[in-house]
Amino acid sequence: MGKVKTHKAASKRFSLTKSGKVKLNHTNRRHKLGLKTAKRKRQLRKTGYLSESMAPNIRTLLPRS
């Protein structure tokens, strides 16, 4: 039986909390920031959490986390 390996692209984008939630950084914070309002940019700074319906998909990609 082969090793259980971590999906490296997913490990760079997501992390798991102690309670098992999937944590992520928001998108749309790289360029064209002059077009976005200060409120929108401020809210995108906060950490996001993946919905509970999508979380099991990511947890299978991150077996060692």
N, C-alpha and C. Protein backbone atom coordinates (compact mmCIF):
# COMPACT_ATOMS: atom_id res chain seq x y z
N MET A 1 0.84 -1.18 0.00
CA MET A 1 0.00 0.00 0.00
C MET A 1 0.88 1.25 0.00
N GLY A 2 0.51 2.22 -0.82
CA GLY A 2 1.31 3.43 -0.96
C GLY A 2 1.11 4.39 0.20
N LYS A 3 1.94 5.43 0.20
CA LYS A 3 1.84 6.45 1.23
C LYS A 3 0.63 7.34 0.97
N VAL A 4 0.11 7.91 2.04
CA VAL A 4 -0.94 8.91 1.92
C VAL A 4 -0.25 10.26 1.77
N LYS A 5 -0.51 10.92 0.66
CA LYS A 5 0.21 12.15 0.37
C LYS A 5 -0.71 13.36 0.42
N THR A 6 -0.14 14.48 0.80
CA THR A 6 -0.86 15.75 0.87
C THR A 6 -0.91 16.39 -0.50
N HIS A 7 -2.05 16.95 -0.86
CA HIS A 7 -2.19 17.70 -2.11
C HIS A 7 -1.53 19.06 -1.89
N LYS A 8 -0.39 19.30 -2.54
CA LYS A 8 0.44 20.47 -2.24
C LYS A 8 -0.24 21.79 -2.60
N ALA A 9 -1.01 21.82 -3.68
CA ALA A 9 -1.70 23.06 -4.05
C ALA A 9 -2.73 23.43 -2.98
N ALA A 10 -3.42 22.42 -2.46
CA ALA A 10 -4.42 22.68 -1.42
C ALA A 10 -3.76 23.10 -0.11
N SER A 11 -2.59 22.53 0.18
CA SER A 11 -1.92 22.86 1.45
C SER A 11 -1.42 24.30 1.45
N LYS A 12 -1.17 24.87 0.27
CA LYS A 12 -0.73 26.25 0.19
C LYS A 12 -1.89 27.23 0.32
N ARG A 13 -3.11 26.78 0.08
CA ARG A 13 -4.27 27.66 0.08
C ARG A 13 -5.14 27.51 1.32
N PHE A 14 -5.14 26.34 1.94
CA PHE A 14 -6.03 26.05 3.05
C PHE A 14 -5.24 25.53 4.24
N SER A 15 -5.79 25.74 5.43
CA SER A 15 -5.23 25.13 6.63
C SER A 15 -6.39 24.75 7.53
N LEU A 16 -6.16 23.78 8.41
CA LEU A 16 -7.20 23.30 9.30
C LEU A 16 -6.99 23.87 10.69
N THR A 17 -8.11 24.24 11.32
CA THR A 17 -8.05 24.70 12.70
C THR A 17 -8.13 23.49 13.62
N LYS A 18 -7.94 23.69 14.92
CA LYS A 18 -8.02 22.59 15.87
C LYS A 18 -9.41 21.98 15.92
N SER A 19 -10.43 22.79 15.69
CA SER A 19 -11.80 22.27 15.72
C SER A 19 -12.20 21.61 14.41
N GLY A 20 -11.31 21.66 13.39
CA GLY A 20 -11.59 20.96 12.13
C GLY A 20 -12.13 21.84 11.03
N LYS A 21 -12.28 23.14 11.30
CA LYS A 21 -12.75 24.04 10.24
C LYS A 21 -11.62 24.27 9.24
N VAL A 22 -12.00 24.59 8.00
CA VAL A 22 -11.02 24.85 6.96
C VAL A 22 -10.88 26.36 6.80
N LYS A 23 -9.66 26.86 7.02
CA LYS A 23 -9.37 28.29 7.00
C LYS A 23 -8.75 28.65 5.66
N LEU A 24 -9.09 29.85 5.15
CA LEU A 24 -8.54 30.28 3.86
C LEU A 24 -8.38 31.78 3.84
N ASN A 25 -7.57 32.26 2.93
CA ASN A 25 -7.43 33.69 2.69
C ASN A 25 -8.35 34.08 1.54
N HIS A 26 -8.92 35.27 1.64
CA HIS A 26 -9.82 35.75 0.59
C HIS A 26 -9.05 36.04 -0.70
N THR A 27 -9.76 35.95 -1.81
CA THR A 27 -9.19 36.30 -3.11
C THR A 27 -9.44 37.78 -3.39
N ASN A 28 -9.00 38.23 -4.54
CA ASN A 28 -9.19 39.62 -5.01
C ASN A 28 -8.42 40.66 -4.21
N ARG A 29 -7.24 40.30 -3.72
CA ARG A 29 -6.43 41.25 -2.96
C ARG A 29 -5.06 41.46 -3.60
N ARG A 30 -4.89 41.17 -4.89
CA ARG A 30 -3.57 41.23 -5.52
C ARG A 30 -3.37 42.46 -6.38
N HIS A 31 -4.32 42.75 -7.23
CA HIS A 31 -4.13 43.87 -8.15
C HIS A 31 -5.46 44.55 -8.41
N LYS A 32 -5.39 45.69 -9.09
CA LYS A 32 -6.56 46.53 -9.34
C LYS A 32 -7.22 46.96 -8.04
N LEU A 33 -6.41 47.28 -7.05
CA LEU A 33 -6.96 47.64 -5.74
C LEU A 33 -7.51 49.06 -5.73
N GLY A 34 -7.12 49.87 -6.71
CA GLY A 34 -7.65 51.22 -6.77
C GLY A 34 -9.12 51.26 -7.15
N LEU A 35 -9.61 50.21 -7.78
CA LEU A 35 -11.01 50.16 -8.19
C LEU A 35 -11.92 49.68 -7.07
N LYS A 36 -11.35 49.10 -6.05
CA LYS A 36 -12.15 48.52 -4.96
C LYS A 36 -12.25 49.52 -3.82
N THR A 37 -13.40 49.51 -3.16
CA THR A 37 -13.61 50.44 -2.06
C THR A 37 -12.78 50.01 -0.84
N ALA A 38 -12.54 50.96 0.05
CA ALA A 38 -11.77 50.68 1.26
C ALA A 38 -12.49 49.65 2.12
N LYS A 39 -13.80 49.71 2.16
CA LYS A 39 -14.57 48.75 2.95
C LYS A 39 -14.38 47.34 2.42
N ARG A 40 -14.43 47.21 1.11
CA ARG A 40 -14.27 45.89 0.50
C ARG A 40 -12.89 45.31 0.76
N LYS A 41 -11.86 46.15 0.62
CA LYS A 41 -10.49 45.68 0.86
C LYS A 41 -10.28 45.33 2.33
N ARG A 42 -10.88 46.10 3.21
CA ARG A 42 -10.76 45.83 4.65
C ARG A 42 -11.42 44.51 5.02
N GLN A 43 -12.57 44.23 4.43
CA GLN A 43 -13.28 42.99 4.73
C GLN A 43 -12.56 41.78 4.14
N LEU A 44 -11.87 41.96 3.02
CA LEU A 44 -11.13 40.87 2.41
C LEU A 44 -9.87 40.52 3.20
N ARG A 45 -9.43 41.41 4.09
CA ARG A 45 -8.26 41.15 4.90
C ARG A 45 -8.50 40.04 5.91
N LYS A 46 -9.73 39.92 6.36
CA LYS A 46 -10.06 38.94 7.40
C LYS A 46 -9.93 37.52 6.88
N THR A 47 -9.68 36.60 7.79
CA THR A 47 -9.60 35.19 7.44
C THR A 47 -10.99 34.67 7.13
N GLY A 48 -11.08 33.87 6.08
CA GLY A 48 -12.35 33.25 5.74
C GLY A 48 -12.37 31.80 6.14
N TYR A 49 -13.57 31.25 6.25
CA TYR A 49 -13.73 29.84 6.57
C TYR A 49 -14.59 29.20 5.49
N LEU A 50 -14.20 28.03 5.09
CA LEU A 50 -14.91 27.33 4.03
C LEU A 50 -16.24 26.82 4.56
N SER A 51 -17.24 26.74 3.70
CA SER A 51 -18.56 26.26 4.13
C SER A 51 -18.46 24.79 4.53
N GLU A 52 -19.35 24.39 5.40
CA GLU A 52 -19.32 23.02 5.92
C GLU A 52 -19.61 21.99 4.83
N SER A 53 -20.30 22.40 3.77
CA SER A 53 -20.58 21.45 2.69
C SER A 53 -19.35 21.18 1.82
N MET A 54 -18.44 22.17 1.72
CA MET A 54 -17.23 21.99 0.92
C MET A 54 -16.03 21.50 1.73
N ALA A 55 -16.09 21.64 3.05
CA ALA A 55 -14.96 21.30 3.91
C ALA A 55 -14.49 19.85 3.79
N PRO A 56 -15.39 18.86 3.70
CA PRO A 56 -14.90 17.47 3.58
C PRO A 56 -14.04 17.22 2.35
N ASN A 57 -14.31 17.93 1.26
CA ASN A 57 -13.50 17.77 0.06
C ASN A 57 -12.06 18.20 0.30
N ILE A 58 -11.87 19.28 1.02
CA ILE A 58 -10.53 19.79 1.29
C ILE A 58 -9.83 18.94 2.35
N ARG A 59 -10.61 18.46 3.33
CA ARG A 59 -10.00 17.62 4.37
C ARG A 59 -9.41 16.35 3.79
N THR A 60 -10.00 15.82 2.73
CA THR A 60 -9.42 14.61 2.10
C THR A 60 -8.11 14.92 1.42
N LEU A 61 -7.94 16.17 0.96
CA LEU A 61 -6.69 16.56 0.31
C LEU A 61 -5.59 16.86 1.31
N LEU A 62 -5.96 17.10 2.57
CA LEU A 62 -5.00 17.45 3.61
C LEU A 62 -5.01 16.39 4.72
N PRO A 63 -4.55 15.18 4.46
CA PRO A 63 -4.67 14.13 5.47
C PRO A 63 -3.74 14.32 6.66
N ARG A 64 -2.62 15.01 6.50
CA ARG A 64 -1.64 15.13 7.58
C ARG A 64 -1.80 16.38 8.41
N SER A 65 -2.78 17.23 8.08
CA SER A 65 -2.93 18.50 8.81
C SER A 65 -3.69 18.31 10.09
